[in-house]
Amino acid sequence: MHNAARHCDHRKNPMDWDNLRYFLELARAGTLVGAARRLTVDHTTVARRLQALEKQLGQALFAREAGGHRLTEAGRLLLPQVEAMEAAFLAVQSSTSSDQQRLQGLVRIGTTEGFGNLVLAPQLARFAIAHPGLVIDLLALPRLVHLSRREADIVISLERPARGAVLVVKLTDYVLQLYGAQSYLAQHPPITQTDDLRGHSFISYVDDLLFSKELQILDELHRPAHFALRSTSILAQYEAARAGAGLAVLPAFVAAQDASLQPVLPGVARFTRTFWMSMPVDNKHVARMQATWAFLRETVQAHQMLLLPP
């Protein structure tokens, strides 16, 4: 046998589908730890399964490197055949099982902190209850979550991915607004124009730790002379604004429902940004990824008044 593809067809030496499934997840994750998370097993189990498959084939399927596992030529030849087997298996499974039964395994979603915690988390909890075979990892972080490093299966970001074999859609626009606590505004002169912002205290991000240029919003309005508090966390900024420490640009989905906060310069200090949703192209045929992707789009559509208030 000269390659992995021919080995996969050898009737006298049938492949163990479980071993092939471990191979597939390692190819997608790039690391033993990443594959183990997807499969909800220990990383030593992934290594053992891979070793058994390579021994059966008589070829190395991955080159071990400092950053993880990279497919060899034999591994690249085998990958599309295993993906086809997975697609066929899922098709059979979907025709014989209910949606709740067929959605199995881990889905890891990376997104921004505020959107993840306040908009997605309650809805994903419902989704998880409806599909008990799924494990949802929600990475709601004040930093970029990278598809290219296989940190997540689906990423919702402020910037559109520029390259790679990635499926991308515009998920939604959302509104941000300058807010101040009523207690803070009551102690200061009225703000009726941008010049009135001089002398005020502000709450914002830490400049050198800003993870997206799309968050450099305050500069479009006013360059503050004084910051009361800066934080990498939008939720920390929200709490500081509620406490009356100063003015802050906050997403409407974070602040608009809080009666203690009041919009400042509405119409002038109002900004729009976009969330983009992306996943590796090789995920789009996986049932649990398809279902989660569709659910996220439905969730956002159902919350347009929260994200884009009039």
Protein backbone atom coordinates (compact mmCIF):
# COMPACT_ATOMS: atom_id res chain seq x y z
CA MET A 1 0.00 0.00 0.00
CA HIS A 2 1.41 3.36 -1.04
CA ASN A 3 -0.87 5.79 0.72
CA ALA A 4 -3.44 6.19 3.47
CA ALA A 5 -6.31 6.37 1.00
CA ARG A 6 -5.61 2.84 -0.28
CA HIS A 7 -5.26 1.54 3.26
CA CYS A 8 -8.68 2.96 4.10
CA ASP A 9 -10.24 0.73 1.41
CA HIS A 10 -8.40 -2.46 2.36
CA ARG A 11 -11.10 -5.04 3.15
CA LYS A 12 -8.76 -7.30 5.08
CA ASN A 13 -7.75 -4.47 7.35
CA PRO A 14 -10.96 -2.51 8.16
CA MET A 15 -10.59 0.84 9.84
CA ASP A 16 -11.98 1.45 13.32
CA TRP A 17 -14.39 4.41 12.91
CA ASP A 18 -13.61 5.62 16.43
CA ASN A 19 -9.91 5.87 15.57
CA LEU A 20 -10.78 7.74 12.37
CA ARG A 21 -13.02 10.11 14.34
CA TYR A 22 -10.13 10.92 16.67
CA PHE A 23 -7.92 11.50 13.64
CA LEU A 24 -10.52 13.89 12.20
CA GLU A 25 -10.85 15.97 15.37
CA LEU A 26 -7.08 16.20 15.78
CA ALA A 27 -6.78 17.39 12.17
CA ARG A 28 -9.34 20.09 12.92
CA ALA A 29 -8.02 21.14 16.33
CA GLY A 30 -4.29 20.89 15.60
CA THR A 31 -3.43 19.89 19.16
CA LEU A 32 -4.11 16.87 21.36
CA VAL A 33 -5.63 19.08 24.04
CA GLY A 34 -7.90 20.83 21.53
CA ALA A 35 -9.07 17.52 20.06
CA ALA A 36 -9.64 16.11 23.54
CA ARG A 37 -11.90 19.05 24.40
CA ARG A 38 -13.96 18.47 21.26
CA LEU A 39 -14.29 14.77 22.04
CA THR A 40 -14.71 15.29 25.81
CA VAL A 41 -11.92 12.82 26.61
CA ASP A 42 -8.43 13.01 28.04
CA HIS A 43 -5.64 14.03 25.64
CA THR A 44 -3.85 10.72 26.30
CA THR A 45 -6.85 8.93 24.80
CA VAL A 46 -6.48 10.96 21.61
CA ALA A 47 -2.77 10.11 21.46
CA ARG A 48 -3.47 6.42 22.01
CA ARG A 49 -6.14 6.29 19.30
CA LEU A 50 -3.89 8.08 16.85
CA GLN A 51 -1.02 5.72 17.59
CA ALA A 52 -3.29 2.72 16.95
CA LEU A 53 -4.44 4.15 13.62
CA GLU A 54 -0.91 4.99 12.47
CA LYS A 55 0.26 1.51 13.44
CA GLN A 56 -2.57 -0.04 11.44
CA LEU A 57 -1.78 2.10 8.40
CA GLY A 58 1.97 1.78 8.76
CA GLN A 59 2.38 5.52 8.20
CA ALA A 60 2.65 8.70 10.24
CA LEU A 61 -0.44 10.86 9.78
CA PHE A 62 0.87 13.85 11.70
CA ALA A 63 4.20 15.56 12.17
CA ARG A 64 4.69 16.45 15.84
CA GLU A 65 5.76 20.08 16.22
CA ALA A 66 6.21 22.48 19.11
CA GLY A 67 2.87 24.17 18.39
CA GLY A 68 0.89 20.97 17.91
CA HIS A 69 0.25 18.35 15.21
CA ARG A 70 0.51 19.05 11.47
CA LEU A 71 -0.86 16.64 8.86
CA THR A 72 1.69 14.71 6.82
CA GLU A 73 1.09 13.95 3.13
CA ALA A 74 -0.51 10.64 4.17
CA GLY A 75 -2.74 12.51 6.61
CA ARG A 76 -3.81 15.00 3.94
CA LEU A 77 -4.74 12.12 1.62
CA LEU A 78 -6.79 10.45 4.32
CA LEU A 79 -8.62 13.56 5.57
CA PRO A 80 -11.19 14.04 2.75
CA GLN A 81 -12.16 10.37 2.87
CA VAL A 82 -12.78 10.50 6.61
CA GLU A 83 -14.77 13.73 6.19
CA ALA A 84 -16.91 11.95 3.58
CA MET A 85 -17.44 9.07 6.01
CA GLU A 86 -18.51 11.54 8.71
CA ALA A 87 -20.95 13.26 6.34
CA ALA A 88 -22.46 9.90 5.36
CA PHE A 89 -22.74 8.87 9.01
CA LEU A 90 -24.48 12.13 9.93
CA ALA A 91 -26.87 11.78 6.99
CA VAL A 92 -27.88 8.30 8.16
CA GLN A 93 -28.14 9.50 11.74
CA SER A 94 -30.33 12.47 10.79
CA SER A 95 -32.73 10.23 8.88
CA THR A 96 -33.18 7.84 11.80
CA SER A 97 -32.97 10.10 14.83
CA SER A 98 -34.61 13.20 16.20
CA ASP A 99 -32.67 16.48 16.29
CA GLN A 100 -32.16 16.10 20.03
CA GLN A 101 -30.60 12.67 19.59
CA ARG A 102 -28.32 13.52 16.67
CA LEU A 103 -26.76 16.72 18.05
CA GLN A 104 -23.85 15.32 20.04
CA GLY A 105 -20.48 16.65 21.09
CA LEU A 106 -18.75 19.93 21.85
CA VAL A 107 -19.33 23.33 20.25
CA ARG A 108 -17.00 26.12 21.36
CA ILE A 109 -18.17 29.69 20.68
CA GLY A 110 -15.87 32.70 21.02
CA THR A 111 -17.29 36.20 21.32
CA THR A 112 -16.90 39.54 23.07
CA GLU A 113 -17.48 39.73 26.80
CA GLY A 114 -20.63 41.84 27.00
CA PHE A 115 -22.42 40.25 24.04
CA GLY A 116 -21.54 36.77 25.23
CA ASN A 117 -22.62 37.26 28.81
CA LEU A 118 -25.71 39.42 28.40
CA VAL A 119 -27.20 38.38 25.06
CA LEU A 120 -25.95 34.90 24.18
CA ALA A 121 -25.53 33.11 27.52
CA PRO A 122 -29.24 32.94 28.47
CA GLN A 123 -30.22 31.83 24.96
CA LEU A 124 -27.44 29.23 24.69
CA ALA A 125 -28.59 27.83 28.03
CA ARG A 126 -32.01 27.19 26.43
CA PHE A 127 -30.31 25.62 23.41
CA ALA A 128 -28.27 23.32 25.65
CA ILE A 129 -31.39 22.22 27.53
CA ALA A 130 -33.12 21.43 24.24
CA HIS A 131 -30.13 19.38 23.05
CA PRO A 132 -28.75 17.45 26.04
CA GLY A 133 -26.19 15.67 23.86
CA LEU A 134 -24.38 18.94 23.24
CA VAL A 135 -21.69 20.59 25.35
CA ILE A 136 -21.54 24.37 24.76
CA ASP A 137 -18.33 26.20 25.63
CA LEU A 138 -18.92 29.97 25.63
CA LEU A 139 -15.68 31.98 25.54
CA ALA A 140 -16.99 35.46 26.39
CA LEU A 141 -13.67 37.30 26.57
CA PRO A 142 -12.35 40.87 26.34
CA ARG A 143 -9.91 39.79 23.61
CA LEU A 144 -9.87 38.27 20.15
CA VAL A 145 -10.67 34.57 19.90
CA HIS A 146 -8.79 33.10 16.94
CA LEU A 147 -10.24 30.60 14.49
CA SER A 148 -6.81 30.20 12.94
CA ARG A 149 -5.49 28.81 16.23
CA ARG A 150 -8.57 26.59 16.62
CA GLU A 151 -9.47 28.35 19.88
CA ALA A 152 -13.16 28.05 18.95
CA ASP A 153 -15.45 26.41 16.42
CA ILE A 154 -17.55 29.55 15.83
CA VAL A 155 -16.32 33.10 16.45
CA ILE A 156 -18.35 36.30 16.70
CA SER A 157 -16.04 39.28 16.30
CA LEU A 158 -16.02 43.00 15.64
CA GLU A 159 -13.77 42.67 12.61
CA ARG A 160 -14.45 40.60 9.53
CA PRO A 161 -11.90 37.78 9.09
CA ALA A 162 -9.71 38.77 6.17
CA ARG A 163 -8.41 35.44 4.96
CA GLY A 164 -8.45 31.67 5.29
CA ALA A 165 -10.87 28.87 4.49
CA VAL A 166 -13.57 30.49 6.60
CA LEU A 167 -17.34 30.90 6.23
CA VAL A 168 -18.31 34.45 7.24
CA VAL A 169 -21.65 36.23 7.62
CA LYS A 170 -22.64 39.64 8.93
CA LEU A 171 -24.48 38.71 12.10
CA THR A 172 -25.88 42.09 13.11
CA ASP A 173 -25.21 45.76 13.65
CA TYR A 174 -25.52 47.09 17.18
CA VAL A 175 -25.72 50.52 18.79
CA LEU A 176 -23.43 52.11 21.35
CA GLN A 177 -24.20 55.35 23.17
CA LEU A 178 -22.54 57.72 25.61
CA TYR A 179 -24.11 57.23 29.04
CA GLY A 180 -23.84 58.81 32.46
CA ALA A 181 -25.38 57.88 35.78
CA GLN A 182 -28.16 60.21 36.91
CA SER A 183 -26.20 60.76 40.12
CA TYR A 184 -23.15 61.89 38.12
CA LEU A 185 -25.11 64.13 35.73
CA ALA A 186 -26.97 65.81 38.59
CA GLN A 187 -23.65 67.04 40.02
CA HIS A 188 -22.41 68.56 36.75
CA PRO A 189 -23.61 71.25 34.33
CA PRO A 190 -25.96 70.09 31.53
CA ILE A 191 -24.33 68.57 28.45
CA THR A 192 -26.04 69.88 25.32
CA GLN A 193 -23.15 69.83 22.82
CA THR A 194 -19.80 68.08 22.45
CA ASP A 195 -17.87 71.11 23.78
CA ASP A 196 -19.67 70.60 27.10
CA LEU A 197 -17.77 67.33 27.55
CA ARG A 198 -14.61 69.23 28.49
CA GLY A 199 -13.70 68.80 32.11
CA HIS A 200 -15.73 65.63 32.56
CA SER A 201 -14.35 62.35 33.83
CA PHE A 202 -14.56 59.37 31.52
CA ILE A 203 -14.52 55.58 31.72
CA SER A 204 -13.01 53.61 28.85
CA TYR A 205 -10.72 50.83 27.67
CA VAL A 206 -7.01 50.53 28.47
CA ASP A 207 -5.46 51.86 25.24
CA ASP A 208 -2.50 49.52 24.94
CA LEU A 209 -4.71 46.48 25.65
CA LEU A 210 -7.46 47.39 23.18
CA PHE A 211 -8.09 44.26 21.13
CA SER A 212 -9.98 45.86 18.22
CA LYS A 213 -9.74 49.23 16.46
CA GLU A 214 -13.55 49.10 16.28
CA LEU A 215 -13.60 49.94 20.01
CA GLN A 216 -11.72 53.24 19.59
CA ILE A 217 -15.07 54.99 19.76
CA LEU A 218 -14.51 57.75 22.30
CA ASP A 219 -11.87 59.38 20.07
CA GLU A 220 -14.57 60.01 17.47
CA LEU A 221 -16.46 62.16 19.98
CA HIS A 222 -14.03 63.73 22.42
CA ARG A 223 -10.46 63.27 23.66
CA PRO A 224 -10.78 63.19 27.45
CA ALA A 225 -8.31 65.00 29.64
CA HIS A 226 -9.14 62.76 32.59
CA PHE A 227 -10.13 59.12 33.02
CA ALA A 228 -11.68 58.01 36.28
CA LEU A 229 -11.29 54.33 35.42
CA ARG A 230 -10.08 52.30 32.48
CA SER A 231 -10.64 48.57 32.10
CA THR A 232 -10.30 45.76 29.57
CA SER A 233 -13.81 44.70 30.63
CA ILE A 234 -16.93 46.39 29.24
CA LEU A 235 -18.88 45.05 32.22
CA ALA A 236 -16.43 46.73 34.61
CA GLN A 237 -16.89 49.98 32.67
CA TYR A 238 -20.65 49.60 32.97
CA GLU A 239 -20.42 49.11 36.74
CA ALA A 240 -18.13 52.15 37.08
CA ALA A 241 -20.58 54.28 35.09
CA ARG A 242 -23.48 53.05 37.27
CA ALA A 243 -21.47 54.04 40.35
CA GLY A 244 -21.19 57.60 39.04
CA ALA A 245 -17.45 57.62 38.30
CA GLY A 246 -17.85 59.30 34.90
CA LEU A 247 -19.22 59.07 31.37
CA ALA A 248 -18.82 55.91 29.28
CA VAL A 249 -19.60 54.72 25.75
CA LEU A 250 -21.52 51.47 26.28
CA PRO A 251 -23.44 49.07 24.04
CA ALA A 252 -27.18 49.70 24.27
CA PHE A 253 -27.69 46.00 25.02
CA VAL A 254 -25.60 46.54 28.17
CA ALA A 255 -26.92 49.89 29.40
CA ALA A 256 -30.27 50.80 27.82
CA GLN A 257 -32.35 48.73 30.26
CA ASP A 258 -30.70 50.32 33.32
CA ALA A 259 -32.85 53.15 34.69
CA SER A 260 -29.90 54.57 36.66
CA LEU A 261 -28.10 55.42 33.40
CA GLN A 262 -29.09 58.19 31.03
CA PRO A 263 -28.04 58.70 27.39
CA VAL A 264 -25.81 61.74 26.92
CA LEU A 265 -26.08 63.70 23.65
CA PRO A 266 -28.52 61.22 22.10
CA GLY A 267 -28.28 61.27 18.32
CA VAL A 268 -24.81 62.85 18.46
CA ALA A 269 -23.01 60.42 20.78
CA ARG A 270 -24.58 57.37 19.14
CA PHE A 271 -22.44 54.87 17.23
CA THR A 272 -22.97 51.69 15.23
CA ARG A 273 -20.68 48.70 15.03
CA THR A 274 -21.01 45.26 13.43
CA PHE A 275 -20.69 41.71 14.70
CA TRP A 276 -19.35 39.16 12.18
CA MET A 277 -19.81 35.42 12.66
CA SER A 278 -17.34 32.95 11.20
CA MET A 279 -16.35 29.32 11.32
CA PRO A 280 -13.91 27.08 9.39
CA VAL A 281 -15.39 25.87 6.12
CA ASP A 282 -14.82 22.26 7.21
CA ASN A 283 -17.30 22.80 10.08
CA LYS A 284 -20.28 23.67 7.92
CA HIS A 285 -21.15 20.03 7.19
CA VAL A 286 -21.08 19.03 10.87
CA ALA A 287 -24.63 18.80 12.23
CA ARG A 288 -23.96 20.32 15.65
CA MET A 289 -22.10 23.26 14.06
CA GLN A 290 -24.88 23.86 11.52
CA ALA A 291 -27.53 23.81 14.25
CA THR A 292 -25.59 26.14 16.55
CA TRP A 293 -24.80 28.53 13.69
CA ALA A 294 -28.50 28.70 12.74
CA PHE A 295 -29.54 29.15 16.38
CA LEU A 296 -27.14 32.09 16.84
CA ARG A 297 -28.55 33.81 13.76
CA GLU A 298 -32.12 33.26 14.99
CA THR A 299 -31.21 34.56 18.45
CA VAL A 300 -29.77 37.77 17.06
CA GLN A 301 -32.79 38.35 14.83
CA ALA A 302 -35.08 37.93 17.83
CA HIS A 303 -33.12 40.56 19.80
CA GLN A 304 -32.89 43.35 17.24
CA MET A 305 -34.73 45.85 19.46
CA LEU A 306 -32.14 45.29 22.18
CA LEU A 307 -29.21 45.56 19.79
CA LEU A 308 -30.58 48.36 17.60
CA PRO A 309 -32.98 50.43 19.72
CA PRO A 310 -34.72 53.36 17.98
